[in-house]
Amino acid sequence: MAAGESGSDSGEDARGVYGITVAAELVGTGVQNLRLYERRGLLTPGRTAGGTRLYSRDDVTRLGRITALLEAGLNLAGVAMVLDLQDDLADARRAADDPAPTQG
């Protein structure tokens, strides 16, 4: 799963609605941190035609996960690895929950 995707089925949760300042305030960090996380590939916010970042509810949720992992003592490389593993696990769980098509 790509950075910034949480696998939510709700289009509303994936739609960018928050500017960078609001998203930073929601997770209690600075806007420079959000820019750094994007440069490091930890999330990919949407963009307007003019290039302004727009963060979705899914992005804010992911930012909360990033913040919690950093507070737990991980560095950004460790955070990236944990997020990738969590995303892979979520994908595997969804695949296991989806009934396999029957041939017949």
PDB file of N, CA and C in Angstrom:
ATOM      1  N   MET A   1       0.844  -1.168   0.000  1.00  0.00           N
ATOM      2  CA  MET A   1       0.000   0.000   0.000  1.00  0.00           C
ATOM      3  C   MET A   1       0.887   1.228   0.000  1.00  0.00           C
ATOM      4  N   ALA A   2       0.534   2.253  -0.735  1.00  0.00           N
ATOM      5  CA  ALA A   2       1.352   3.450  -0.845  1.00  0.00           C
ATOM      6  C   ALA A   2       1.275   4.282   0.414  1.00  0.00           C
ATOM      7  N   ALA A   3       2.297   5.055   0.624  1.00  0.00           N
ATOM      8  CA  ALA A   3       2.306   5.950   1.783  1.00  0.00           C
ATOM      9  C   ALA A   3       1.117   6.877   1.713  1.00  0.00           C
ATOM     10  N   GLY A   4       0.529   7.097   2.855  1.00  0.00           N
ATOM     11  CA  GLY A   4      -0.610   7.986   2.913  1.00  0.00           C
ATOM     12  C   GLY A   4      -1.933   7.300   2.727  1.00  0.00           C
ATOM     13  N   GLU A   5      -1.916   6.034   2.326  1.00  0.00           N
ATOM     14  CA  GLU A   5      -3.149   5.291   2.168  1.00  0.00           C
ATOM     15  C   GLU A   5      -3.381   4.449   3.404  1.00  0.00           C
ATOM     16  N   SER A   6      -4.596   4.481   3.914  1.00  0.00           N
ATOM     17  CA  SER A   6      -4.864   3.679   5.098  1.00  0.00           C
ATOM     18  C   SER A   6      -5.746   2.493   4.780  1.00  0.00           C
ATOM     19  N   GLY A   7      -6.228   2.417   3.552  1.00  0.00           N
ATOM     20  CA  GLY A   7      -7.072   1.302   3.190  1.00  0.00           C
ATOM     21  C   GLY A   7      -8.526   1.529   3.558  1.00  0.00           C
ATOM     22  N   SER A   8      -8.882   2.727   3.947  1.00  0.00           N
ATOM     23  CA  SER A   8     -10.261   3.021   4.308  1.00  0.00           C
ATOM     24  C   SER A   8     -11.154   2.892   3.087  1.00  0.00           C
ATOM     25  N   ASP A   9     -12.341   2.362   3.294  1.00  0.00           N
ATOM     26  CA  ASP A   9     -13.285   2.229   2.199  1.00  0.00           C
ATOM     27  C   ASP A   9     -14.055   3.523   1.963  1.00  0.00           C
ATOM     28  N   SER A  10     -13.969   4.467   2.867  1.00  0.00           N
ATOM     29  CA  SER A  10     -14.722   5.694   2.758  1.00  0.00           C
ATOM     30  C   SER A  10     -13.968   6.719   1.938  1.00  0.00           C
ATOM     31  N   GLY A  11     -14.566   7.158   0.830  1.00  0.00           N
ATOM     32  CA  GLY A  11     -13.960   8.192   0.016  1.00  0.00           C
ATOM     33  C   GLY A  11     -13.815   9.492   0.768  1.00  0.00           C
ATOM     34  N   GLU A  12     -14.716   9.741   1.697  1.00  0.00           N
ATOM     35  CA  GLU A  12     -14.645  10.954   2.508  1.00  0.00           C
ATOM     36  C   GLU A  12     -13.368  10.986   3.339  1.00  0.00           C
ATOM     37  N   ASP A  13     -12.950   9.867   3.888  1.00  0.00           N
ATOM     38  CA  ASP A  13     -11.750   9.823   4.724  1.00  0.00           C
ATOM     39  C   ASP A  13     -10.481  10.028   3.911  1.00  0.00           C
ATOM     40  N   ALA A  14     -10.529   9.757   2.618  1.00  0.00           N
ATOM     41  CA  ALA A  14      -9.353   9.864   1.768  1.00  0.00           C
ATOM     42  C   ALA A  14      -9.275  11.211   1.039  1.00  0.00           C
ATOM     43  N   ARG A  15     -10.331  12.014   1.131  1.00  0.00           N
ATOM     44  CA  ARG A  15     -10.372  13.295   0.413  1.00  0.00           C
ATOM     45  C   ARG A  15      -9.613  14.354   1.206  1.00  0.00           C
ATOM     46  N   GLY A  16      -8.696  15.050   0.556  1.00  0.00           N
ATOM     47  CA  GLY A  16      -7.924  16.097   1.206  1.00  0.00           C
ATOM     48  C   GLY A  16      -8.800  17.291   1.560  1.00  0.00           C
ATOM     49  N   VAL A  17      -8.838  17.623   2.833  1.00  0.00           N
ATOM     50  CA  VAL A  17      -9.663  18.750   3.275  1.00  0.00           C
ATOM     51  C   VAL A  17      -8.923  19.714   4.199  1.00  0.00           C
ATOM     52  N   TYR A  18      -7.805  19.286   4.784  1.00  0.00           N
ATOM     53  CA  TYR A  18      -7.088  20.111   5.753  1.00  0.00           C
ATOM     54  C   TYR A  18      -5.822  20.684   5.131  1.00  0.00           C
ATOM     55  N   GLY A  19      -5.602  21.972   5.339  1.00  0.00           N
ATOM     56  CA  GLY A  19      -4.339  22.576   4.952  1.00  0.00           C
ATOM     57  C   GLY A  19      -3.242  22.105   5.893  1.00  0.00           C
ATOM     58  N   ILE A  20      -1.998  22.412   5.544  1.00  0.00           N
ATOM     59  CA  ILE A  20      -0.874  21.914   6.317  1.00  0.00           C
ATOM     60  C   ILE A  20      -0.878  22.447   7.746  1.00  0.00           C
ATOM     61  N   THR A  21      -1.274  23.692   7.949  1.00  0.00           N
ATOM     62  CA  THR A  21      -1.274  24.267   9.298  1.00  0.00           C
ATOM     63  C   THR A  21      -2.302  23.573  10.178  1.00  0.00           C
ATOM     64  N   VAL A  22      -3.485  23.338   9.640  1.00  0.00           N
ATOM     65  CA  VAL A  22      -4.544  22.664  10.403  1.00  0.00           C
ATOM     66  C   VAL A  22      -4.138  21.223  10.710  1.00  0.00           C
ATOM     67  N   ALA A  23      -3.597  20.518   9.717  1.00  0.00           N
ATOM     68  CA  ALA A  23      -3.165  19.126   9.931  1.00  0.00           C
ATOM     69  C   ALA A  23      -2.091  19.071  11.017  1.00  0.00           C
ATOM     70  N   ALA A  24      -1.150  20.005  10.988  1.00  0.00           N
ATOM     71  CA  ALA A  24      -0.095  20.033  12.006  1.00  0.00           C
ATOM     72  C   ALA A  24      -0.691  20.271  13.388  1.00  0.00           C
ATOM     73  N   GLU A  25      -1.646  21.180  13.482  1.00  0.00           N
ATOM     74  CA  GLU A  25      -2.285  21.457  14.775  1.00  0.00           C
ATOM     75  C   GLU A  25      -3.071  20.248  15.271  1.00  0.00           C
ATOM     76  N   LEU A  26      -3.720  19.533  14.365  1.00  0.00           N
ATOM     77  CA  LEU A  26      -4.511  18.357  14.761  1.00  0.00           C
ATOM     78  C   LEU A  26      -3.663  17.268  15.399  1.00  0.00           C
ATOM     79  N   VAL A  27      -2.413  17.138  14.956  1.00  0.00           N
ATOM     80  CA  VAL A  27      -1.548  16.097  15.509  1.00  0.00           C
ATOM     81  C   VAL A  27      -0.519  16.652  16.493  1.00  0.00           C
ATOM     82  N   GLY A  28      -0.511  17.955  16.681  1.00  0.00           N
ATOM     83  CA  GLY A  28       0.371  18.550  17.680  1.00  0.00           C
ATOM     84  C   GLY A  28       1.829  18.609  17.275  1.00  0.00           C
ATOM     85  N   THR A  29       2.090  18.932  16.014  1.00  0.00           N
ATOM     86  CA  THR A  29       3.461  19.054  15.535  1.00  0.00           C
ATOM     87  C   THR A  29       3.567  20.289  14.662  1.00  0.00           C
ATOM     88  N   GLY A  30       4.744  20.548  14.155  1.00  0.00           N
ATOM     89  CA  GLY A  30       4.954  21.711  13.307  1.00  0.00           C
ATOM     90  C   GLY A  30       4.822  21.388  11.837  1.00  0.00           C
ATOM     91  N   VAL A  31       4.577  22.421  11.050  1.00  0.00           N
ATOM     92  CA  VAL A  31       4.413  22.213   9.610  1.00  0.00           C
ATOM     93  C   VAL A  31       5.697  21.715   8.965  1.00  0.00           C
ATOM     94  N   GLN A  32       6.852  22.112   9.500  1.00  0.00           N
ATOM     95  CA  GLN A  32       8.115  21.626   8.942  1.00  0.00           C
ATOM     96  C   GLN A  32       8.247  20.112   9.106  1.00  0.00           C
ATOM     97  N   ASN A  33       7.715  19.595  10.207  1.00  0.00           N
ATOM     98  CA  ASN A  33       7.742  18.140  10.395  1.00  0.00           C
ATOM     99  C   ASN A  33       6.910  17.444   9.326  1.00  0.00           C
ATOM    100  N   LEU A  34       5.736  17.986   9.011  1.00  0.00           N
ATOM    101  CA  LEU A  34       4.899  17.381   7.981  1.00  0.00           C
ATOM    102  C   LEU A  34       5.607  17.389   6.636  1.00  0.00           C
ATOM    103  N   ARG A  35       6.302  18.474   6.334  1.00  0.00           N
ATOM    104  CA  ARG A  35       7.062  18.534   5.080  1.00  0.00           C
ATOM    105  C   ARG A  35       8.182  17.481   5.077  1.00  0.00           C
ATOM    106  N   LEU A  36       8.844  17.325   6.227  1.00  0.00           N
ATOM    107  CA  LEU A  36       9.895  16.318   6.347  1.00  0.00           C
ATOM    108  C   LEU A  36       9.338  14.913   6.160  1.00  0.00           C
ATOM    109  N   TYR A  37       8.204  14.621   6.783  1.00  0.00           N
ATOM    110  CA  TYR A  37       7.598  13.291   6.655  1.00  0.00           C
ATOM    111  C   TYR A  37       7.258  13.004   5.193  1.00  0.00           C
ATOM    112  N   GLU A  38       6.790  14.024   4.482  1.00  0.00           N
ATOM    113  CA  GLU A  38       6.486  13.832   3.063  1.00  0.00           C
ATOM    114  C   GLU A  38       7.772  13.571   2.274  1.00  0.00           C
ATOM    115  N   ARG A  39       8.828  14.341   2.549  1.00  0.00           N
ATOM    116  CA  ARG A  39      10.103  14.133   1.848  1.00  0.00           C
ATOM    117  C   ARG A  39      10.651  12.736   2.103  1.00  0.00           C
ATOM    118  N   ARG A  40      10.423  12.212   3.298  1.00  0.00           N
ATOM    119  CA  ARG A  40      10.911  10.874   3.646  1.00  0.00           C
ATOM    120  C   ARG A  40       9.972   9.769   3.180  1.00  0.00           C
ATOM    121  N   GLY A  41       8.862  10.125   2.552  1.00  0.00           N
ATOM    122  CA  GLY A  41       7.948   9.136   2.000  1.00  0.00           C
ATOM    123  C   GLY A  41       7.005   8.506   3.008  1.00  0.00           C
ATOM    124  N   LEU A  42       6.844   9.137   4.161  1.00  0.00           N
ATOM    125  CA  LEU A  42       5.962   8.569   5.183  1.00  0.00           C
ATOM    126  C   LEU A  42       4.488   8.825   4.893  1.00  0.00           C
ATOM    127  N   LEU A  43       4.198   9.839   4.112  1.00  0.00           N
ATOM    128  CA  LEU A  43       2.831  10.075   3.658  1.00  0.00           C
ATOM    129  C   LEU A  43       2.872  10.936   2.416  1.00  0.00           C
ATOM    130  N   THR A  44       1.780  10.924   1.679  1.00  0.00           N
ATOM    131  CA  THR A  44       1.679  11.684   0.442  1.00  0.00           C
ATOM    132  C   THR A  44       0.342  12.413   0.430  1.00  0.00           C
ATOM    133  N   PRO A  45       0.337  13.663   0.898  1.00  0.00           N
ATOM    134  CA  PRO A  45      -0.921  14.402   0.897  1.00  0.00           C
ATOM    135  C   PRO A  45      -1.341  14.743  -0.530  1.00  0.00           C
ATOM    136  N   GLY A  46      -2.625  14.999  -0.683  1.00  0.00           N
ATOM    137  CA  GLY A  46      -3.109  15.454  -1.980  1.00  0.00           C
ATOM    138  C   GLY A  46      -2.593  16.851  -2.266  1.00  0.00           C
ATOM    139  N   ARG A  47      -2.760  17.279  -3.479  1.00  0.00           N
ATOM    140  CA  ARG A  47      -2.335  18.620  -3.884  1.00  0.00           C
ATOM    141  C   ARG A  47      -3.443  19.277  -4.696  1.00  0.00           C
ATOM    142  N   THR A  48      -3.560  20.583  -4.522  1.00  0.00           N
ATOM    143  CA  THR A  48      -4.465  21.346  -5.379  1.00  0.00           C
ATOM    144  C   THR A  48      -3.763  21.571  -6.710  1.00  0.00           C
ATOM    145  N   ALA A  49      -4.477  22.127  -7.676  1.00  0.00           N
ATOM    146  CA  ALA A  49      -3.871  22.433  -8.966  1.00  0.00           C
ATOM    147  C   ALA A  49      -2.703  23.403  -8.794  1.00  0.00           C
ATOM    148  N   GLY A  50      -2.765  24.242  -7.771  1.00  0.00           N
ATOM    149  CA  GLY A  50      -1.697  25.188  -7.507  1.00  0.00           C
ATOM    150  C   GLY A  50      -0.564  24.630  -6.674  1.00  0.00           C
ATOM    151  N   GLY A  51      -0.669  23.377  -6.228  1.00  0.00           N
ATOM    152  CA  GLY A  51       0.402  22.734  -5.486  1.00  0.00           C
ATOM    153  C   GLY A  51       0.261  22.774  -3.970  1.00  0.00           C
ATOM    154  N   THR A  52      -0.825  23.341  -3.469  1.00  0.00           N
ATOM    155  CA  THR A  52      -1.032  23.394  -2.019  1.00  0.00           C
ATOM    156  C   THR A  52      -1.352  22.008  -1.489  1.00  0.00           C
ATOM    157  N   ARG A  53      -0.691  21.623  -0.392  1.00  0.00           N
ATOM    158  CA  ARG A  53      -0.949  20.315   0.220  1.00  0.00           C
ATOM    159  C   ARG A  53      -2.321  20.312   0.864  1.00  0.00           C
ATOM    160  N   LEU A  54      -3.042  19.204   0.666  1.00  0.00           N
ATOM    161  CA  LEU A  54      -4.323  18.985   1.340  1.00  0.00           C
ATOM    162  C   LEU A  54      -4.277  17.619   2.004  1.00  0.00           C
ATOM    163  N   TYR A  55      -4.466  17.615   3.314  1.00  0.00           N
ATOM    164  CA  TYR A  55      -4.403  16.390   4.108  1.00  0.00           C
ATOM    165  C   TYR A  55      -5.807  15.867   4.364  1.00  0.00           C
ATOM    166  N   SER A  56      -5.975  14.572   4.196  1.00  0.00           N
ATOM    167  CA  SER A  56      -7.261  13.909   4.428  1.00  0.00           C
ATOM    168  C   SER A  56      -7.335  13.414   5.877  1.00  0.00           C
ATOM    169  N   ARG A  57      -8.500  12.909   6.258  1.00  0.00           N
ATOM    170  CA  ARG A  57      -8.627  12.284   7.579  1.00  0.00           C
ATOM    171  C   ARG A  57      -7.688  11.084   7.689  1.00  0.00           C
ATOM    172  N   ASP A  58      -7.560  10.327   6.602  1.00  0.00           N
ATOM    173  CA  ASP A  58      -6.626   9.197   6.592  1.00  0.00           C
ATOM    174  C   ASP A  58      -5.186   9.673   6.823  1.00  0.00           C
ATOM    175  N   ASP A  59      -4.820  10.789   6.182  1.00  0.00           N
ATOM    176  CA  ASP A  59      -3.478  11.342   6.382  1.00  0.00           C
ATOM    177  C   ASP A  59      -3.273  11.763   7.833  1.00  0.00           C
ATOM    178  N   VAL A  60      -4.275  12.401   8.426  1.00  0.00           N
ATOM    179  CA  VAL A  60      -4.170  12.847   9.818  1.00  0.00           C
ATOM    180  C   VAL A  60      -4.046  11.633  10.744  1.00  0.00           C
ATOM    181  N   THR A  61      -4.788  10.572  10.451  1.00  0.00           N
ATOM    182  CA  THR A  61      -4.667   9.337  11.233  1.00  0.00           C
ATOM    183  C   THR A  61      -3.248   8.785  11.119  1.00  0.00           C
ATOM    184  N   ARG A  62      -2.708   8.760   9.905  1.00  0.00           N
ATOM    185  CA  ARG A  62      -1.342   8.278   9.697  1.00  0.00           C
ATOM    186  C   ARG A  62      -0.340   9.176  10.425  1.00  0.00           C
ATOM    187  N   LEU A  63      -0.563  10.483  10.395  1.00  0.00           N
ATOM    188  CA  LEU A  63       0.311  11.404  11.129  1.00  0.00           C
ATOM    189  C   LEU A  63       0.283  11.118  12.621  1.00  0.00           C
ATOM    190  N   GLY A  64      -0.886  10.759  13.138  1.00  0.00           N
ATOM    191  CA  GLY A  64      -0.979  10.379  14.548  1.00  0.00           C
ATOM    192  C   GLY A  64      -0.151   9.139  14.843  1.00  0.00           C
ATOM    193  N   ARG A  65      -0.169   8.170  13.926  1.00  0.00           N
ATOM    194  CA  ARG A  65       0.646   6.966  14.091  1.00  0.00           C
ATOM    195  C   ARG A  65       2.131   7.319  14.059  1.00  0.00           C
ATOM    196  N   ILE A  66       2.517   8.207  13.144  1.00  0.00           N
ATOM    197  CA  ILE A  66       3.916   8.642  13.050  1.00  0.00           C
ATOM    198  C   ILE A  66       4.339   9.308  14.348  1.00  0.00           C
ATOM    199  N   THR A  67       3.517  10.215  14.852  1.00  0.00           N
ATOM    200  CA  THR A  67       3.825  10.931  16.088  1.00  0.00           C
ATOM    201  C   THR A  67       3.987   9.961  17.254  1.00  0.00           C
ATOM    202  N   ALA A  68       3.073   8.992  17.363  1.00  0.00           N
ATOM    203  CA  ALA A  68       3.149   8.019  18.458  1.00  0.00           C
ATOM    204  C   ALA A  68       4.430   7.187  18.379  1.00  0.00           C
ATOM    205  N   LEU A  69       4.814   6.792  17.179  1.00  0.00           N
ATOM    206  CA  LEU A  69       6.036   5.996  17.013  1.00  0.00           C
ATOM    207  C   LEU A  69       7.282   6.813  17.341  1.00  0.00           C
ATOM    208  N   LEU A  70       7.288   8.079  16.945  1.00  0.00           N
ATOM    209  CA  LEU A  70       8.416   8.944  17.284  1.00  0.00           C
ATOM    210  C   LEU A  70       8.511   9.141  18.786  1.00  0.00           C
ATOM    211  N   GLU A  71       7.371   9.327  19.432  1.00  0.00           N
ATOM    212  CA  GLU A  71       7.357   9.501  20.890  1.00  0.00           C
ATOM    213  C   GLU A  71       7.801   8.227  21.609  1.00  0.00           C
ATOM    214  N   ALA A  72       7.609   7.082  20.963  1.00  0.00           N
ATOM    215  CA  ALA A  72       8.044   5.809  21.544  1.00  0.00           C
ATOM    216  C   ALA A  72       9.545   5.595  21.374  1.00  0.00           C
ATOM    217  N   GLY A  73      10.217   6.498  20.655  1.00  0.00           N
ATOM    218  CA  GLY A  73      11.659   6.430  20.545  1.00  0.00           C
ATOM    219  C   GLY A  73      12.202   5.974  19.204  1.00  0.00           C
ATOM    220  N   LEU A  74      11.335   5.708  18.228  1.00  0.00           N
ATOM    221  CA  LEU A  74      11.822   5.292  16.915  1.00  0.00           C
ATOM    222  C   LEU A  74      12.331   6.499  16.142  1.00  0.00           C
ATOM    223  N   ASN A  75      13.305   6.268  15.271  1.00  0.00           N
ATOM    224  CA  ASN A  75      13.711   7.320  14.351  1.00  0.00           C
ATOM    225  C   ASN A  75      12.855   7.212  13.092  1.00  0.00           C
ATOM    226  N   LEU A  76      13.048   8.141  12.139  1.00  0.00           N
ATOM    227  CA  LEU A  76      12.179   8.148  10.958  1.00  0.00           C
ATOM    228  C   LEU A  76      12.321   6.888  10.111  1.00  0.00           C
ATOM    229  N   ALA A  77      13.520   6.319  10.052  1.00  0.00           N
ATOM    230  CA  ALA A  77      13.696   5.065   9.307  1.00  0.00           C
ATOM    231  C   ALA A  77      12.905   3.942   9.969  1.00  0.00           C
ATOM    232  N   GLY A  78      12.934   3.883  11.288  1.00  0.00           N
ATOM    233  CA  GLY A  78      12.160   2.878  12.021  1.00  0.00           C
ATOM    234  C   GLY A  78      10.674   3.084  11.855  1.00  0.00           C
ATOM    235  N   VAL A  79      10.247   4.343  11.877  1.00  0.00           N
ATOM    236  CA  VAL A  79       8.830   4.657  11.674  1.00  0.00           C
ATOM    237  C   VAL A  79       8.385   4.163  10.302  1.00  0.00           C
ATOM    238  N   ALA A  80       9.199   4.412   9.279  1.00  0.00           N
ATOM    239  CA  ALA A  80       8.854   3.964   7.918  1.00  0.00           C
ATOM    240  C   ALA A  80       8.695   2.454   7.865  1.00  0.00           C
ATOM    241  N   MET A  81       9.601   1.729   8.521  1.00  0.00           N
ATOM    242  CA  MET A  81       9.520   0.265   8.521  1.00  0.00           C
ATOM    243  C   MET A  81       8.263  -0.217   9.233  1.00  0.00           C
ATOM    244  N   VAL A  82       7.952   0.366  10.382  1.00  0.00           N
ATOM    245  CA  VAL A  82       6.761  -0.045  11.138  1.00  0.00           C
ATOM    246  C   VAL A  82       5.496   0.263  10.343  1.00  0.00           C
ATOM    247  N   LEU A  83       5.419   1.453   9.747  1.00  0.00           N
ATOM    248  CA  LEU A  83       4.235   1.797   8.960  1.00  0.00           C
ATOM    249  C   LEU A  83       4.050   0.838   7.793  1.00  0.00           C
ATOM    250  N   ASP A  84       5.144   0.501   7.107  1.00  0.00           N
ATOM    251  CA  ASP A  84       5.055  -0.452   5.996  1.00  0.00           C
ATOM    252  C   ASP A  84       4.549  -1.811   6.473  1.00  0.00           C
ATOM    253  N   LEU A  85       5.070  -2.278   7.604  1.00  0.00           N
ATOM    254  CA  LEU A  85       4.624  -3.563   8.148  1.00  0.00           C
ATOM    255  C   LEU A  85       3.159  -3.515   8.571  1.00  0.00           C
ATOM    256  N   GLN A  86       2.750  -2.409   9.198  1.00  0.00           N
ATOM    257  CA  GLN A  86       1.349  -2.273   9.600  1.00  0.00           C
ATOM    258  C   GLN A  86       0.439  -2.246   8.379  1.00  0.00           C
ATOM    259  N   ASP A  87       0.864  -1.545   7.326  1.00  0.00           N
ATOM    260  CA  ASP A  87       0.066  -1.500   6.096  1.00  0.00           C
ATOM    261  C   ASP A  87      -0.027  -2.878   5.444  1.00  0.00           C
ATOM    262  N   ASP A  88       1.099  -3.612   5.433  1.00  0.00           N
ATOM    263  CA  ASP A  88       1.093  -4.969   4.872  1.00  0.00           C
ATOM    264  C   ASP A  88       0.166  -5.885   5.665  1.00  0.00           C
ATOM    265  N   LEU A  89       0.198  -5.761   6.977  1.00  0.00           N
ATOM    266  CA  LEU A  89      -0.671  -6.570   7.829  1.00  0.00           C
ATOM    267  C   LEU A  89      -2.136  -6.247   7.574  1.00  0.00           C
ATOM    268  N   ALA A  90      -2.456  -4.964   7.442  1.00  0.00           N
ATOM    269  CA  ALA A  90      -3.841  -4.566   7.159  1.00  0.00           C
ATOM    270  C   ALA A  90      -4.300  -5.127   5.814  1.00  0.00           C
ATOM    271  N   ASP A  91      -3.410  -5.087   4.805  1.00  0.00           N
ATOM    272  CA  ASP A  91      -3.739  -5.661   3.494  1.00  0.00           C
ATOM    273  C   ASP A  91      -3.997  -7.162   3.600  1.00  0.00           C
ATOM    274  N   ALA A  92      -3.155  -7.859   4.355  1.00  0.00           N
ATOM    275  CA  ALA A  92      -3.306  -9.309   4.516  1.00  0.00           C
ATOM    276  C   ALA A  92      -4.605  -9.647   5.232  1.00  0.00           C
ATOM    277  N   ARG A  93      -4.941  -8.846   6.233  1.00  0.00           N
ATOM    278  CA  ARG A  93      -6.199  -9.086   6.956  1.00  0.00           C
ATOM    279  C   ARG A  93      -7.404  -8.870   6.049  1.00  0.00           C
ATOM    280  N   ARG A  94      -7.349  -7.814   5.228  1.00  0.00           N
ATOM    281  CA  ARG A  94      -8.456  -7.569   4.294  1.00  0.00           C
ATOM    282  C   ARG A  94      -8.575  -8.710   3.305  1.00  0.00           C
ATOM    283  N   ALA A  95      -7.441  -9.197   2.809  1.00  0.00           N
ATOM    284  CA  ALA A  95      -7.454 -10.307   1.854  1.00  0.00           C
ATOM    285  C   ALA A  95      -8.014 -11.568   2.494  1.00  0.00           C
ATOM    286  N   ALA A  96      -7.684 -11.794   3.758  1.00  0.00           N
ATOM    287  CA  ALA A  96      -8.189 -12.982   4.460  1.00  0.00           C
ATOM    288  C   ALA A  96      -9.683 -12.871   4.731  1.00  0.00           C
ATOM    289  N   ASP A  97     -10.169 -11.654   4.907  1.00  0.00           N
ATOM    290  CA  ASP A  97     -11.595 -11.453   5.178  1.00  0.00           C
ATOM    291  C   ASP A  97     -12.453 -11.534   3.924  1.00  0.00           C
ATOM    292  N   ASP A  98     -11.838 -11.298   2.759  1.00  0.00           N
ATOM    293  CA  ASP A  98     -12.580 -11.363   1.508  1.00  0.00           C
ATOM    294  C   ASP A  98     -12.722 -12.827   1.095  1.00  0.00           C
ATOM    295  N   PRO A  99     -13.944 -13.277   0.873  1.00  0.00           N
ATOM    296  CA  PRO A  99     -14.115 -14.671   0.465  1.00  0.00           C
ATOM    297  C   PRO A  99     -13.526 -14.872  -0.940  1.00  0.00           C
ATOM    298  N   ALA A 100     -12.836 -15.982  -1.107  1.00  0.00           N
ATOM    299  CA  ALA A 100     -12.239 -16.310  -2.389  1.00  0.00           C
ATOM    300  C   ALA A 100     -13.345 -16.708  -3.369  1.00  0.00           C
ATOM    301  N   PRO A 101     -13.226 -16.276  -4.620  1.00  0.00           N
ATOM    302  CA  PRO A 101     -14.230 -16.671  -5.606  1.00  0.00           C
ATOM    303  C   PRO A 101     -14.174 -18.189  -5.831  1.00  0.00           C
ATOM    304  N   THR A 102     -15.332 -18.781  -5.973  1.00  0.00           N
ATOM    305  CA  THR A 102     -15.391 -20.233  -6.189  1.00  0.00           C
ATOM    306  C   THR A 102     -15.433 -20.518  -7.672  1.00  0.00           C
ATOM    307  N   GLN A 103     -14.760 -21.602  -8.042  1.00  0.00           N
ATOM    308  CA  GLN A 103     -14.794 -22.016  -9.439  1.00  0.00           C
ATOM    309  C   GLN A 103     -15.738 -23.208  -9.548  1.00  0.00           C
ATOM    310  N   GLY A 104     -16.442 -23.201 -10.582  1.00  0.00           N
ATOM    311  CA  GLY A 104     -17.275 -24.306 -10.577  1.00  0.00           C
ATOM    312  C   GLY A 104     -18.048 -24.754 -11.638  1.00  0.00           C
TER     313      GLY A 104
END
